[in-house]
C-alpha cells in the first residue's frame, strides 16, 4: 500500500521552527523504556497536572453537589411516576391547595 504524503504546510509554523534534516537524525534517541531524547535531553511528551489541596476540595465538593442534585431529581421523578419504592414524596403541585387562608397579621 502506497501512502500519498504531501509536504507539511509550513506557513502556520512558529517563527524559528524548521524541519529535521538527515544530519539531525543523529540527535534523536530512545531509551529502553521508549522515552524520546533530543541531543541527550528527554523530550517531554506529556505533563501530568495535579490539583492542589484547595482545588481538589472544591472539585470533590462540586462532584458531591452534582450527585446530590441527580439523586434529588431521580427522587422527584420517582414521585411523579408514583414508584412504590419511594417512601415519602412531597405534595405534588396539583395536590397543593392554592386557596389556603393567609395568616392573620397582628396589629
Protein backbone atom coordinates (compact mmCIF):
# COMPACT_ATOMS: atom_id res chain seq x y z
CA UNK A 1 0.00 0.00 0.00
CA UNK A 2 1.47 3.34 -1.01
CA UNK A 3 0.63 6.37 1.12
CA UNK A 4 0.10 9.69 -0.54
CA UNK A 5 2.09 12.00 1.73
CA UNK A 6 2.11 15.66 1.00
CA UNK A 7 4.63 18.15 2.27
CA UNK A 8 3.68 19.91 5.52
CA UNK A 9 2.24 23.39 5.31
CA UNK A 10 4.97 25.42 6.99
CA UNK A 11 3.12 28.71 6.68
CA UNK A 12 1.46 28.19 10.08
CA UNK A 13 4.63 27.05 11.90
CA UNK A 14 6.00 29.40 14.57
CA UNK A 15 8.97 31.50 13.58
CA UNK A 16 12.30 29.72 14.01
CA UNK A 17 10.87 26.20 13.63
CA UNK A 18 12.46 24.14 10.86
CA UNK A 19 12.21 20.63 9.50
CA UNK A 20 14.51 17.86 10.75
CA UNK A 21 17.32 17.18 8.32
CA UNK A 22 19.16 13.91 7.81
CA UNK A 23 22.00 15.28 9.95
CA UNK A 24 19.54 15.94 12.80
CA UNK A 25 18.51 12.28 12.92
CA UNK A 26 21.71 11.50 14.86
CA UNK A 27 20.39 13.81 17.62
CA UNK A 28 17.29 11.67 18.25
CA UNK A 29 17.48 8.76 20.67
CA UNK A 30 15.33 6.27 22.57
CA UNK A 31 15.95 4.51 25.87
CA UNK A 32 14.84 1.01 26.88
CA UNK A 33 11.50 2.35 28.17
CA UNK A 34 10.68 4.07 24.88
CA UNK A 35 11.34 7.62 26.09
CA UNK A 36 12.36 10.05 23.36
CA UNK A 37 15.58 12.07 23.66
CA UNK A 38 16.85 15.01 21.64
CA UNK A 39 20.58 15.72 21.95
CA UNK A 40 20.70 13.80 25.24
CA UNK A 41 17.77 15.63 26.87
CA UNK A 42 14.47 13.87 27.37
CA UNK A 43 11.60 15.20 25.29
CA UNK A 44 8.54 15.79 27.45
CA UNK A 45 5.57 14.46 25.52
CA UNK A 46 3.06 14.51 28.36
CA UNK A 47 2.75 16.55 31.51
CA UNK A 48 0.56 15.30 34.32
CA UNK A 49 -1.34 18.08 36.01
CA UNK A 50 -2.07 17.58 39.68
CA UNK A 51 -4.60 19.57 41.62
CA UNK A 52 -3.61 21.44 44.76
CA UNK A 53 -5.41 20.69 48.03
CA UNK A 54 -7.90 23.56 47.72
CA UNK A 55 -8.65 22.72 44.08
CA UNK A 56 -9.15 19.06 44.99
CA UNK A 57 -11.50 20.07 47.84
CA UNK A 58 -13.67 22.23 45.57
CA UNK A 59 -13.63 19.53 42.88
CA UNK A 60 -14.89 16.93 45.34
CA UNK A 61 -17.48 19.42 46.62
CA UNK A 62 -18.73 20.08 43.07
CA UNK A 63 -18.96 16.36 42.29
CA UNK A 64 -20.84 15.77 45.56
CA UNK A 65 -23.29 18.57 44.77
CA UNK A 66 -23.85 17.13 41.30
CA UNK A 67 -24.51 13.64 42.71
CA UNK A 68 -26.96 15.04 45.26
CA UNK A 69 -28.69 17.05 42.52
CA UNK A 70 -29.11 13.96 40.37
CA UNK A 71 -30.40 11.95 43.34
CA UNK A 72 -32.98 14.63 44.18
CA UNK A 73 -34.10 14.79 40.54
CA UNK A 74 -34.48 10.99 40.33
CA UNK A 75 -36.42 11.05 43.60
CA UNK A 76 -38.68 13.77 42.20
CA UNK A 77 -39.29 11.79 39.01
CA UNK A 78 -39.99 8.71 41.10
CA UNK A 79 -42.67 10.62 42.99
CA UNK A 80 -44.17 11.94 39.74
CA UNK A 81 -44.28 8.39 38.34
CA UNK A 82 -45.67 7.05 41.63
CA UNK A 83 -42.94 4.45 42.09
CA UNK A 84 -43.84 2.29 45.08
CA UNK A 85 -40.23 2.12 46.32
CA UNK A 86 -40.32 5.80 47.28
CA UNK A 87 -41.34 6.05 50.92
CA UNK A 88 -42.23 9.73 51.14
CA UNK A 89 -42.97 12.26 48.44
CA UNK A 90 -43.65 15.96 48.82
CA UNK A 91 -47.16 17.10 47.90
CA UNK A 92 -47.46 17.48 44.16
CA UNK A 93 -48.37 20.83 42.69
CA UNK A 94 -51.87 19.74 41.73
CA UNK A 95 -52.43 18.45 45.28
CA UNK A 96 -51.49 21.70 47.00
CA UNK A 97 -54.42 23.97 47.76
CA UNK A 98 -53.75 27.41 46.34
CA UNK A 99 -56.64 28.88 48.24
CA UNK A 100 -55.08 28.41 51.64
CA UNK A 101 -56.03 31.20 54.04
CA UNK A 102 -53.41 33.83 54.65
CA UNK A 103 -52.11 34.05 58.21
CA UNK A 104 -53.69 36.82 60.20
CA UNK A 105 -51.44 39.74 60.94
CA UNK A 106 -51.12 41.08 64.42
CA UNK A 107 -51.63 44.76 64.93
